Amino acid sequence: MAGCMARAPPGSEARLSLATFLLGASVLALPLLTRAGLQGRTGLALYVAGLNALLLLLYRPPRYQIAIRACFLGFVFGCGMLLSFSQSSWNHFGWYMCSLSLFHYSEYLVTAVNNPKSLSLDSFLLNHSLEYTVAALSSWIEFTLENIFWPELKQITWLSVTGLLMVVFGECLRKAAMFTAGSNFNHVVQNEKSDTHTLVTSGVYAWFRHPSYVGWFYWSIGTQVMLCNPICGVAYALTVWRFFRDRTEEEEISLIHFFGEEYLEYKKRVPTGLPFIKGVKMEL
């Protein structure tokens, strides 16, 4: 786990990440270069090399580490947009690329704006876990193989649109939860209560006890529905359900320890929001 970065002027990390994300997304202009006579692969290679050289000139560690990650995510988003509007069987994978890159970038951006004290390179969640990486790679492999042997399976537009709506809903709910919780939100379950830690029960927390988990739950399943991946769709649903069941219980043990009867009363009134997950069974 990377430690929190040395404190820069307030908001500087957010501005830096946004500028470099947009810089990476400028790959959208690449078709203009190819029309000007530059070959596609050559133009892409020169573009990537030029971006990295520019970042190396402009920034020094640790700001370069922020810039290269945000720029990479912007680049993936831009490539996803190009693929989304292509006349190929990969256009729904372009939707996925946009969704994935926006999710990871917005995790960092919202943390930088909302809770800068907990901000670190890990806030991008790019190194979330080995299991997360394996799951992502598995979905890419499944999509590729099925697109080669059963391309018609990847052109069920209504199903992909349903997945896209799940992704948008999940992303919006999670970010609303992060903004509502403010400095109380952290990517790591806290075992010790800080002086500023308060129990948030308003906004989306009045609907669900764990709205950020609910959002991520539907976002992750939605990505596989969007890709029309039947195997990973089922595997993701089972895996993330089990993950959030365990995570919810772990977090609620800490919350009961922090807030006691106040949290138990809140727990009685408001559901977790996750299907068939009621949270930890514990009484004072």
Protein backbone atom coordinates (compact mmCIF):
# COMPACT_ATOMS: atom_id res chain seq x y z
CA MET A 1 0.00 0.00 0.00
CA ALA A 2 1.33 3.40 -0.93
CA GLY A 3 1.37 5.87 1.91
CA CYS A 4 -0.38 9.20 1.86
CA MET A 5 1.52 11.71 -0.27
CA ALA A 6 3.22 14.78 1.09
CA ARG A 7 0.65 17.51 1.44
CA ALA A 8 0.45 19.94 -1.44
CA PRO A 9 -1.64 23.13 -1.57
CA PRO A 10 -5.37 22.30 -1.13
CA GLY A 11 -6.94 21.09 -4.37
CA SER A 12 -3.67 20.81 -6.28
CA GLU A 13 -3.86 17.03 -6.66
CA ALA A 14 -7.43 17.30 -7.96
CA ARG A 15 -6.45 19.94 -10.52
CA LEU A 16 -3.35 18.01 -11.58
CA SER A 17 -5.25 14.76 -12.02
CA LEU A 18 -8.06 16.44 -13.97
CA ALA A 19 -5.65 18.22 -16.32
CA THR A 20 -3.69 15.05 -17.06
CA PHE A 21 -6.85 12.91 -17.39
CA LEU A 22 -8.09 15.32 -20.07
CA LEU A 23 -4.64 15.27 -21.67
CA GLY A 24 -4.84 11.48 -21.97
CA ALA A 25 -8.39 11.69 -23.31
CA SER A 26 -7.12 13.90 -26.14
CA VAL A 27 -6.38 10.63 -27.95
CA LEU A 28 -9.85 11.31 -29.33
CA ALA A 29 -8.09 13.63 -31.79
CA LEU A 30 -5.98 10.76 -33.18
CA PRO A 31 -8.32 10.13 -36.17
CA LEU A 32 -7.48 13.66 -37.35
CA LEU A 33 -3.80 12.70 -37.50
CA THR A 34 -4.52 9.55 -39.48
CA ARG A 35 -6.54 11.56 -41.99
CA ALA A 36 -3.52 13.82 -42.32
CA GLY A 37 -1.52 10.86 -43.60
CA LEU A 38 -0.05 9.37 -40.43
CA GLN A 39 -0.60 5.62 -40.13
CA GLY A 40 -2.82 4.52 -37.24
CA ARG A 41 -0.31 2.40 -35.29
CA THR A 42 2.53 4.80 -35.92
CA GLY A 43 0.41 7.74 -34.84
CA LEU A 44 -0.68 5.94 -31.67
CA ALA A 45 2.90 5.01 -30.74
CA LEU A 46 4.12 8.56 -31.30
CA TYR A 47 1.19 9.93 -29.34
CA VAL A 48 1.86 7.72 -26.30
CA ALA A 49 5.58 8.45 -26.38
CA GLY A 50 4.90 12.17 -26.68
CA LEU A 51 2.50 12.13 -23.74
CA ASN A 52 5.00 10.39 -21.47
CA ALA A 53 7.81 12.71 -22.50
CA LEU A 54 5.62 15.74 -21.78
CA LEU A 55 4.68 14.44 -18.34
CA LEU A 56 8.33 13.74 -17.51
CA LEU A 57 9.22 17.31 -18.49
CA LEU A 58 6.38 18.91 -16.54
CA TYR A 59 6.33 16.89 -13.33
CA ARG A 60 8.65 15.33 -10.79
CA PRO A 61 7.79 12.62 -8.26
CA PRO A 62 5.40 12.35 -6.54
CA ARG A 63 3.35 14.54 -8.90
CA TYR A 64 4.51 12.52 -11.90
CA GLN A 65 3.06 9.39 -10.27
CA ILE A 66 -0.33 11.10 -10.05
CA ALA A 67 -0.06 12.49 -13.56
CA ILE A 68 0.89 9.23 -15.28
CA ARG A 69 -2.00 7.34 -13.66
CA ALA A 70 -4.60 9.99 -14.43
CA CYS A 71 -3.28 10.39 -17.97
CA PHE A 72 -3.39 6.62 -18.50
CA LEU A 73 -7.01 6.49 -17.34
CA GLY A 74 -7.86 9.42 -19.62
CA PHE A 75 -6.16 7.60 -22.50
CA VAL A 76 -8.23 4.46 -21.81
CA PHE A 77 -11.38 6.60 -21.67
CA GLY A 78 -10.53 8.25 -25.00
CA CYS A 79 -9.80 4.90 -26.66
CA GLY A 80 -13.06 3.58 -25.26
CA MET A 81 -14.95 6.49 -26.79
CA LEU A 82 -13.35 5.85 -30.18
CA LEU A 83 -14.23 2.17 -29.95
CA SER A 84 -17.78 2.94 -28.83
CA PHE A 85 -18.49 4.79 -32.07
CA SER A 86 -16.72 2.28 -34.31
CA GLN A 87 -18.67 0.02 -36.63
CA SER A 88 -17.38 -3.20 -35.09
CA SER A 89 -18.40 -5.94 -32.68
CA TRP A 90 -16.12 -4.30 -30.09
CA ASN A 91 -18.19 -1.16 -29.62
CA HIS A 92 -19.75 -2.40 -26.36
CA PHE A 93 -16.27 -3.11 -25.06
CA GLY A 94 -15.65 0.58 -25.68
CA TRP A 95 -18.51 1.37 -23.30
CA TYR A 96 -16.82 -0.87 -20.76
CA MET A 97 -13.46 0.88 -21.17
CA CYS A 98 -15.10 4.26 -20.57
CA SER A 99 -16.95 2.95 -17.50
CA LEU A 100 -13.87 1.30 -16.01
CA SER A 101 -11.55 4.26 -16.51
CA LEU A 102 -14.11 6.77 -15.20
CA PHE A 103 -14.72 4.65 -12.11
CA HIS A 104 -11.05 4.50 -11.16
CA TYR A 105 -10.33 8.12 -11.98
CA SER A 106 -13.38 9.46 -10.15
CA GLU A 107 -12.43 7.48 -7.03
CA TYR A 108 -9.22 9.51 -6.87
CA LEU A 109 -10.81 12.83 -7.84
CA VAL A 110 -13.65 12.64 -5.32
CA THR A 111 -11.23 11.64 -2.56
CA ALA A 112 -8.94 14.55 -3.48
CA VAL A 113 -11.85 16.99 -3.26
CA ASN A 114 -13.75 15.42 -0.39
CA ASN A 115 -11.19 13.90 1.96
CA PRO A 116 -7.66 15.01 0.96
CA LYS A 117 -6.17 13.83 4.27
CA SER A 118 -6.73 10.21 3.24
CA LEU A 119 -5.56 10.74 -0.36
CA SER A 120 -2.83 8.49 -1.74
CA LEU A 121 -1.95 6.81 -5.01
CA ASP A 122 -4.02 3.87 -3.76
CA SER A 123 -7.09 6.11 -4.10
CA PHE A 124 -7.10 5.28 -7.81
CA LEU A 125 -7.85 1.67 -6.72
CA LEU A 126 -5.71 0.43 -9.61
CA ASN A 127 -3.96 -2.02 -7.28
CA HIS A 128 -7.11 -2.94 -5.38
CA SER A 129 -6.29 -6.64 -5.01
CA LEU A 130 -5.03 -9.67 -6.92
CA GLU A 131 -8.60 -11.01 -7.03
CA TYR A 132 -9.84 -7.78 -8.61
CA THR A 133 -7.15 -7.96 -11.29
CA VAL A 134 -7.87 -11.63 -12.06
CA ALA A 135 -11.59 -10.87 -12.32
CA ALA A 136 -10.98 -8.04 -14.78
CA LEU A 137 -8.61 -10.13 -16.92
CA SER A 138 -11.11 -13.01 -16.92
CA SER A 139 -13.86 -10.74 -18.24
CA TRP A 140 -11.61 -9.46 -21.03
CA ILE A 141 -10.65 -13.00 -22.03
CA GLU A 142 -14.26 -14.17 -22.02
CA PHE A 143 -15.39 -11.22 -24.13
CA THR A 144 -12.58 -11.78 -26.65
CA LEU A 145 -13.16 -15.51 -27.04
CA GLU A 146 -16.93 -15.21 -27.31
CA ASN A 147 -16.57 -12.31 -29.74
CA ILE A 148 -14.40 -14.51 -31.98
CA PHE A 149 -16.50 -17.69 -31.86
CA TRP A 150 -20.01 -16.32 -31.15
CA PRO A 151 -19.99 -12.67 -32.27
CA GLU A 152 -23.78 -12.50 -32.31
CA LEU A 153 -23.73 -12.96 -28.51
CA LYS A 154 -21.98 -9.60 -28.18
CA GLN A 155 -24.57 -7.70 -30.20
CA ILE A 156 -27.55 -7.97 -27.86
CA THR A 157 -27.96 -4.22 -27.65
CA TRP A 158 -30.86 -4.14 -25.17
CA LEU A 159 -28.84 -6.26 -22.74
CA SER A 160 -25.77 -4.05 -23.09
CA VAL A 161 -27.90 -0.94 -22.54
CA THR A 162 -29.36 -2.55 -19.40
CA GLY A 163 -25.81 -3.15 -18.16
CA LEU A 164 -24.86 0.43 -18.97
CA LEU A 165 -27.80 1.73 -16.93
CA MET A 166 -26.72 -0.48 -14.00
CA VAL A 167 -23.20 0.93 -14.28
CA VAL A 168 -24.43 4.54 -14.35
CA PHE A 169 -26.75 3.93 -11.39
CA GLY A 170 -24.01 2.22 -9.37
CA GLU A 171 -21.43 4.88 -10.16
CA CYS A 172 -23.75 7.77 -9.25
CA LEU A 173 -24.86 6.10 -6.01
CA ARG A 174 -21.29 5.38 -4.92
CA LYS A 175 -20.08 8.91 -5.62
CA ALA A 176 -23.15 10.37 -3.88
CA ALA A 177 -22.25 8.25 -0.85
CA MET A 178 -18.66 9.49 -0.92
CA PHE A 179 -19.74 13.14 -1.10
CA THR A 180 -22.38 12.70 1.59
CA ALA A 181 -19.95 11.00 3.99
CA GLY A 182 -17.27 13.61 3.37
CA SER A 183 -14.19 13.10 5.55
CA ASN A 184 -15.89 10.09 7.16
CA PHE A 185 -15.42 8.09 3.95
CA ASN A 186 -12.27 6.00 3.59
CA HIS A 187 -11.30 3.25 1.16
CA VAL A 188 -9.92 1.23 4.09
CA VAL A 189 -12.13 -0.05 6.90
CA GLN A 190 -11.14 1.90 10.02
CA ASN A 191 -10.48 0.05 13.28
CA GLU A 192 -9.97 3.19 15.37
CA LYS A 193 -12.34 6.13 15.64
CA SER A 194 -10.84 9.50 14.78
CA ASP A 195 -11.83 12.72 16.56
CA THR A 196 -13.78 13.90 13.50
CA HIS A 197 -15.54 10.59 12.80
CA THR A 198 -19.33 10.98 12.93
CA LEU A 199 -22.20 8.65 12.06
CA VAL A 200 -23.74 9.77 8.76
CA THR A 201 -27.45 8.93 8.43
CA SER A 202 -28.67 11.58 5.98
CA GLY A 203 -28.86 11.71 2.18
CA VAL A 204 -28.30 8.34 0.52
CA TYR A 205 -27.40 6.94 3.95
CA ALA A 206 -31.09 7.35 4.85
CA TRP A 207 -31.87 4.83 2.08
CA PHE A 208 -29.09 2.30 2.67
CA ARG A 209 -26.58 1.74 5.46
CA HIS A 210 -23.85 1.01 2.91
CA PRO A 211 -24.69 3.00 -0.26
CA SER A 212 -21.11 3.00 -1.54
CA TYR A 213 -21.10 -0.82 -1.42
CA VAL A 214 -24.53 -0.99 -3.06
CA GLY A 215 -23.25 1.24 -5.85
CA TRP A 216 -20.10 -0.80 -6.40
CA PHE A 217 -22.13 -4.05 -6.26
CA TYR A 218 -24.44 -3.02 -9.12
CA TRP A 219 -21.64 -1.29 -11.02
CA SER A 220 -19.48 -4.44 -11.08
CA ILE A 221 -22.32 -6.74 -12.16
CA GLY A 222 -23.46 -4.14 -14.68
CA THR A 223 -20.08 -4.19 -16.43
CA GLN A 224 -20.55 -7.88 -17.22
CA VAL A 225 -24.16 -7.44 -18.32
CA MET A 226 -22.93 -4.65 -20.60
CA LEU A 227 -20.30 -7.00 -22.10
CA CYS A 228 -22.88 -9.81 -22.44
CA ASN A 229 -20.50 -12.09 -20.52
CA PRO A 230 -22.66 -14.97 -19.19
CA ILE A 231 -19.87 -16.77 -17.32
CA CYS A 232 -18.31 -13.71 -15.66
CA GLY A 233 -21.77 -12.25 -15.11
CA VAL A 234 -22.69 -15.15 -12.81
CA ALA A 235 -19.18 -15.34 -11.29
CA TYR A 236 -19.10 -11.61 -10.55
CA ALA A 237 -22.53 -11.67 -8.92
CA LEU A 238 -21.57 -14.52 -6.58
CA THR A 239 -18.09 -13.16 -5.83
CA VAL A 240 -19.03 -9.55 -5.10
CA TRP A 241 -22.02 -10.67 -3.03
CA ARG A 242 -19.73 -12.75 -0.83
CA PHE A 243 -17.13 -9.98 -0.66
CA PHE A 244 -19.62 -7.35 0.46
CA ARG A 245 -21.28 -9.72 2.92
CA ASP A 246 -17.93 -10.17 4.69
CA ARG A 247 -16.93 -6.52 4.28
CA THR A 248 -20.23 -5.27 5.69
CA GLU A 249 -19.93 -7.47 8.76
CA GLU A 250 -16.32 -6.36 9.33
CA GLU A 251 -17.23 -2.68 9.03
CA GLU A 252 -20.31 -2.91 11.22
CA ILE A 253 -18.32 -4.45 14.06
CA SER A 254 -16.18 -1.30 14.04
CA LEU A 255 -19.21 1.00 13.72
CA ILE A 256 -20.96 -0.61 16.69
CA HIS A 257 -17.75 -0.23 18.67
CA PHE A 258 -17.51 3.45 17.63
CA PHE A 259 -21.13 4.53 18.06
CA GLY A 260 -22.80 1.86 20.19
CA GLU A 261 -26.57 2.22 20.65
CA GLU A 262 -26.74 5.04 18.10
CA TYR A 263 -25.58 2.71 15.33
CA LEU A 264 -27.75 -0.20 16.51
CA GLU A 265 -30.83 2.04 16.28
CA TYR A 266 -29.78 3.17 12.80
CA LYS A 267 -29.22 -0.46 11.84
CA LYS A 268 -32.77 -1.35 12.86
CA ARG A 269 -34.27 1.46 10.75
CA VAL A 270 -32.23 1.28 7.54
CA PRO A 271 -31.37 -1.79 5.43
CA THR A 272 -27.91 -2.47 4.03
CA GLY A 273 -29.24 -2.10 0.48
CA LEU A 274 -27.44 -5.28 -0.58
CA PRO A 275 -29.66 -8.25 -1.51
CA PHE A 276 -29.95 -10.89 1.23
CA ILE A 277 -27.28 -9.19 3.36
CA LYS A 278 -28.44 -7.95 6.76
CA GLY A 279 -25.07 -7.10 8.27
CA VAL A 280 -23.46 -8.27 11.47
CA LYS A 281 -25.64 -9.90 14.14
CA MET A 282 -24.55 -8.27 17.34
CA GLU A 283 -26.17 -6.64 20.33
CA LEU A 284 -24.66 -4.48 23.05
